[in-house]
Amino acid sequence: MQEQVHETRMIRLGNTPHLPSDVRQWLGDSRGHWEGNTLVVETTNFTDEARGSTFQTRTRNMKLVERFTRVSDRTIATSSPCPTPGRGRARGPRSCRGTASTG
């Protein structure tokens, strides 16, 4: 589960398939798997209603891949391609990076 700005999403782990393409959700349908010590989350099935609040571009056909890596006891590094304006897809070469720390 992830929470950010009062929005919560479930990230299912393992080999469960994404929801059917006709099932759309505000924050999409997230599936995660581990690559070493990095959690890789792929999200699809967004609605275009998320545009303007969460994303600046069209989102209906967007596929977002995020990476979360623990770099210390109190810090997680994040990385994901930024959506390209007008394309509705989150893919390179631009990248959004950040870190999150506790207390």
Foldseek 3Di string as FASTA:
>chain_A
DDDDPRDDDDEAEDDDDFDPLVDADQFATWYWYDDDQKIKIKGARYQQVNDPPPAVAGARGEIKIKIWHDPDPFKIKIKIAHDDHPPNYRDDDHMDIDMGGDD
